[in-house]
Amino acid sequence: MGDLTNNPIVQCGFAGMCAVLLGIIVWLIKQLLTVLKETNTVIGENTKTIGMLHTTSNEEIVVLRDIQAKLMARPCLVKGEQ
């Protein structure tokens, strides 16, 4: 029996297996790119939401400080702290 690597059937089998594996790799890369695109979209939306929450909480802090200043201007509340 000779060297099996020189057998044309074995060589065709390896070539076919390589083609199948290459196809699987290409398919997996396409799937990965799709997932990355979706992930980047989600990350972008989350970043925008965080920015809006930051703006909203800053506005709320300003309003709360104004309310606190108005409450502390009341004599009945200031008297309790002395």
Protein backbone atom coordinates (compact mmCIF):
# COMPACT_ATOMS: atom_id res chain seq x y z
CA MET A 1 0.00 0.00 0.00
CA GLY A 2 1.43 3.40 -0.92
CA ASP A 3 1.38 6.77 0.73
CA LEU A 4 -2.28 7.75 1.27
CA THR A 5 -1.64 11.50 0.88
CA ASN A 6 -0.96 10.97 -2.83
CA ASN A 7 -4.31 9.27 -3.33
CA PRO A 8 -6.57 11.57 -5.43
CA ILE A 9 -9.68 10.56 -3.44
CA VAL A 10 -8.01 11.56 -0.16
CA GLN A 11 -6.82 14.83 -1.69
CA CYS A 12 -10.34 15.60 -2.96
CA GLY A 13 -11.71 14.79 0.48
CA PHE A 14 -9.31 17.21 2.14
CA ALA A 15 -10.05 19.89 -0.47
CA GLY A 16 -13.79 19.43 0.07
CA MET A 17 -13.38 19.59 3.84
CA CYS A 18 -11.31 22.78 3.47
CA ALA A 19 -14.02 24.33 1.28
CA VAL A 20 -16.72 23.44 3.81
CA LEU A 21 -14.67 24.82 6.70
CA LEU A 22 -13.93 28.00 4.75
CA GLY A 23 -17.65 28.40 4.08
CA ILE A 24 -18.41 27.96 7.78
CA ILE A 25 -15.78 30.57 8.68
CA VAL A 26 -17.23 33.07 6.19
CA TRP A 27 -20.74 32.44 7.54
CA LEU A 28 -19.54 32.89 11.14
CA ILE A 29 -17.81 36.16 10.25
CA LYS A 30 -21.02 37.45 8.64
CA GLN A 31 -22.96 36.50 11.77
CA LEU A 32 -20.36 38.21 13.95
CA LEU A 33 -20.54 41.41 11.90
CA THR A 34 -24.34 41.40 12.21
CA VAL A 35 -24.12 41.00 15.99
CA LEU A 36 -21.50 43.76 16.21
CA LYS A 37 -23.69 46.12 14.19
CA GLU A 38 -26.67 45.45 16.47
CA THR A 39 -24.49 45.83 19.56
CA ASN A 40 -23.14 49.16 18.35
CA THR A 41 -26.71 50.36 17.78
CA VAL A 42 -27.70 49.37 21.33
CA ILE A 43 -24.58 51.00 22.79
CA GLY A 44 -25.32 54.20 20.85
CA GLU A 45 -28.90 54.30 22.10
CA ASN A 46 -27.75 53.66 25.68
CA THR A 47 -25.22 56.48 25.40
CA LYS A 48 -27.92 58.88 24.21
CA THR A 49 -30.18 57.79 27.07
CA ILE A 50 -27.43 58.32 29.63
CA GLY A 51 -26.84 61.81 28.21
CA MET A 52 -30.54 62.64 28.49
CA LEU A 53 -30.64 61.32 32.07
CA HIS A 54 -27.62 63.46 32.93
CA THR A 55 -29.33 66.55 31.55
CA THR A 56 -32.59 65.75 33.32
CA SER A 57 -30.93 65.10 36.67
CA ASN A 58 -28.97 68.37 36.40
CA GLU A 59 -32.24 70.22 35.79
CA GLU A 60 -33.82 68.46 38.75
CA ILE A 61 -30.91 69.41 41.00
CA VAL A 62 -31.35 73.07 40.05
CA VAL A 63 -35.09 72.90 40.84
CA LEU A 64 -34.48 71.10 44.16
CA ARG A 65 -31.90 73.67 45.23
CA ASP A 66 -34.36 76.43 44.38
CA ILE A 67 -37.06 74.70 46.45
CA GLN A 68 -34.60 74.25 49.32
CA ALA A 69 -33.67 77.95 49.23
CA LYS A 70 -37.34 78.95 49.24
CA LEU A 71 -38.10 76.61 52.14
CA MET A 72 -35.15 77.84 54.16
CA ALA A 73 -36.37 81.42 53.65
CA ARG A 74 -39.45 80.60 55.74
CA PRO A 75 -39.06 81.80 59.29
CA CYS A 76 -40.83 78.80 60.80
CA LEU A 77 -38.30 76.40 59.28
CA VAL A 78 -35.25 78.52 60.08
CA LYS A 79 -36.35 78.85 63.73
CA GLY A 80 -36.21 75.05 64.16
CA GLU A 81 -32.53 74.88 63.20
CA GLN A 82 -31.32 77.43 65.77
